Amino acid sequence: MKKKHESFSEIIEQLGRKHSVQAVFSDFLTLCICAFSFGTKEEEYHKIMRKYEKPEAYRISEALGALTIEMTGDGTGLVDVLGE
């Protein structure tokens, strides 16, 4: 049986049970900016990641993957999964 992939919101909500959804979402956005900054925001990236235990840090990277999959929808273009 194939395992269902968790959605972006499911991952954020799961992490939010310990850290608050608002904090996790804010950290997620900042981590994305840091990750795509070509190494110029590495110190800020590590500062945020230290708040999370190792399994939680992996979940944050899974959230980015889930968001990317959801945004591409059926392959016909980008989908705004956070709202219109």
C-alpha atoms as a PDB file:
ATOM      1  CA  MET A   1       0.000   0.000   0.000  1.00  0.00           C
ATOM      2  CA  LYS A   2       1.383   3.385  -1.038  1.00  0.00           C
ATOM      3  CA  LYS A   3       1.834   5.909   1.771  1.00  0.00           C
ATOM      4  CA  LYS A   4      -0.091   9.163   1.306  1.00  0.00           C
ATOM      5  CA  HIS A   5       2.151  12.206   1.283  1.00  0.00           C
ATOM      6  CA  GLU A   6       1.369  14.738   3.975  1.00  0.00           C
ATOM      7  CA  SER A   7       0.297  18.156   2.831  1.00  0.00           C
ATOM      8  CA  PHE A   8       2.211  21.338   3.591  1.00  0.00           C
ATOM      9  CA  SER A   9      -0.454  22.464   6.053  1.00  0.00           C
ATOM     10  CA  GLU A  10      -0.482  19.080   7.828  1.00  0.00           C
ATOM     11  CA  ILE A  11       3.269  19.274   8.412  1.00  0.00           C
ATOM     12  CA  ILE A  12       3.133  22.886   9.628  1.00  0.00           C
ATOM     13  CA  GLU A  13       0.189  22.102  11.935  1.00  0.00           C
ATOM     14  CA  GLN A  14       1.981  19.054  13.351  1.00  0.00           C
ATOM     15  CA  LEU A  15       5.095  21.097  14.144  1.00  0.00           C
ATOM     16  CA  GLY A  16       2.863  23.886  15.449  1.00  0.00           C
ATOM     17  CA  ARG A  17       1.570  21.679  18.244  1.00  0.00           C
ATOM     18  CA  LYS A  18       4.896  22.195  19.987  1.00  0.00           C
ATOM     19  CA  HIS A  19       6.110  25.544  18.618  1.00  0.00           C
ATOM     20  CA  SER A  20       2.864  27.326  17.529  1.00  0.00           C
ATOM     21  CA  VAL A  21       1.702  27.403  13.942  1.00  0.00           C
ATOM     22  CA  GLN A  22       2.546  31.091  13.587  1.00  0.00           C
ATOM     23  CA  ALA A  23       6.138  30.579  14.772  1.00  0.00           C
ATOM     24  CA  VAL A  24       6.677  27.542  12.547  1.00  0.00           C
ATOM     25  CA  PHE A  25       5.231  29.269   9.479  1.00  0.00           C
ATOM     26  CA  SER A  26       7.312  32.396  10.118  1.00  0.00           C
ATOM     27  CA  ASP A  27      10.454  30.296  10.619  1.00  0.00           C
ATOM     28  CA  PHE A  28       9.619  28.305   7.472  1.00  0.00           C
ATOM     29  CA  LEU A  29       9.421  31.477   5.386  1.00  0.00           C
ATOM     30  CA  THR A  30      12.670  32.834   6.821  1.00  0.00           C
ATOM     31  CA  LEU A  31      14.415  29.500   6.289  1.00  0.00           C
ATOM     32  CA  CYS A  32      13.312  29.489   2.652  1.00  0.00           C
ATOM     33  CA  ILE A  33      14.745  32.971   2.170  1.00  0.00           C
ATOM     34  CA  CYS A  34      17.975  31.874   3.839  1.00  0.00           C
ATOM     35  CA  ALA A  35      18.207  28.680   1.791  1.00  0.00           C
ATOM     36  CA  PHE A  36      17.766  30.559  -1.483  1.00  0.00           C
ATOM     37  CA  SER A  37      20.230  33.341  -0.567  1.00  0.00           C
ATOM     38  CA  PHE A  38      23.324  31.540  -1.898  1.00  0.00           C
ATOM     39  CA  GLY A  39      24.976  31.266   1.515  1.00  0.00           C
ATOM     40  CA  THR A  40      24.632  34.926   2.505  1.00  0.00           C
ATOM     41  CA  LYS A  41      22.203  34.179   5.354  1.00  0.00           C
ATOM     42  CA  GLU A  42      23.743  30.988   6.698  1.00  0.00           C
ATOM     43  CA  GLU A  43      24.140  32.300  10.252  1.00  0.00           C
ATOM     44  CA  GLU A  44      20.444  33.251  10.445  1.00  0.00           C
ATOM     45  CA  TYR A  45      19.495  29.833   8.998  1.00  0.00           C
ATOM     46  CA  HIS A  46      21.438  27.969  11.716  1.00  0.00           C
ATOM     47  CA  LYS A  47      20.103  30.244  14.463  1.00  0.00           C
ATOM     48  CA  ILE A  48      16.522  29.338  13.523  1.00  0.00           C
ATOM     49  CA  MET A  49      17.249  25.644  13.038  1.00  0.00           C
ATOM     50  CA  ARG A  50      18.710  25.390  16.554  1.00  0.00           C
ATOM     51  CA  LYS A  51      15.161  25.918  17.896  1.00  0.00           C
ATOM     52  CA  TYR A  52      14.119  22.575  16.436  1.00  0.00           C
ATOM     53  CA  GLU A  53      15.143  19.014  17.239  1.00  0.00           C
ATOM     54  CA  LYS A  54      16.677  17.052  14.366  1.00  0.00           C
ATOM     55  CA  PRO A  55      13.458  15.190  13.375  1.00  0.00           C
ATOM     56  CA  GLU A  56      11.594  18.528  13.367  1.00  0.00           C
ATOM     57  CA  ALA A  57      14.239  20.062  11.118  1.00  0.00           C
ATOM     58  CA  TYR A  58      13.691  17.239   8.632  1.00  0.00           C
ATOM     59  CA  ARG A  59       9.947  17.915   8.783  1.00  0.00           C
ATOM     60  CA  ILE A  60      10.570  21.545   7.813  1.00  0.00           C
ATOM     61  CA  SER A  61      12.453  20.422   4.715  1.00  0.00           C
ATOM     62  CA  GLU A  62       9.611  17.993   3.974  1.00  0.00           C
ATOM     63  CA  ALA A  63       7.213  20.956   4.226  1.00  0.00           C
ATOM     64  CA  LEU A  64       9.090  22.721   1.425  1.00  0.00           C
ATOM     65  CA  GLY A  65       8.862  19.597  -0.720  1.00  0.00           C
ATOM     66  CA  ALA A  66       5.137  19.225   0.011  1.00  0.00           C
ATOM     67  CA  LEU A  67       4.496  22.890  -0.797  1.00  0.00           C
ATOM     68  CA  THR A  68       6.376  22.571  -4.085  1.00  0.00           C
ATOM     69  CA  ILE A  69       4.356  19.500  -5.086  1.00  0.00           C
ATOM     70  CA  GLU A  70       1.070  21.166  -4.131  1.00  0.00           C
ATOM     71  CA  MET A  71       1.925  24.371  -5.986  1.00  0.00           C
ATOM     72  CA  THR A  72       2.593  22.546  -9.224  1.00  0.00           C
ATOM     73  CA  GLY A  73      -0.831  20.909  -9.027  1.00  0.00           C
ATOM     74  CA  ASP A  74      -1.547  18.806 -12.088  1.00  0.00           C
ATOM     75  CA  GLY A  75       1.415  20.213 -14.003  1.00  0.00           C
ATOM     76  CA  THR A  76      -0.527  22.842 -15.934  1.00  0.00           C
ATOM     77  CA  GLY A  77       0.821  25.754 -13.886  1.00  0.00           C
ATOM     78  CA  LEU A  78       1.321  27.060 -10.402  1.00  0.00           C
ATOM     79  CA  VAL A  79      -1.456  26.807  -7.832  1.00  0.00           C
ATOM     80  CA  ASP A  80      -1.757  29.221  -4.883  1.00  0.00           C
ATOM     81  CA  VAL A  81      -2.290  26.718  -2.075  1.00  0.00           C
ATOM     82  CA  LEU A  82      -2.287  29.401   0.640  1.00  0.00           C
ATOM     83  CA  GLY A  83      -5.307  31.247  -0.775  1.00  0.00           C
ATOM     84  CA  GLU A  84      -6.220  33.490  -3.650  1.00  0.00           C
END
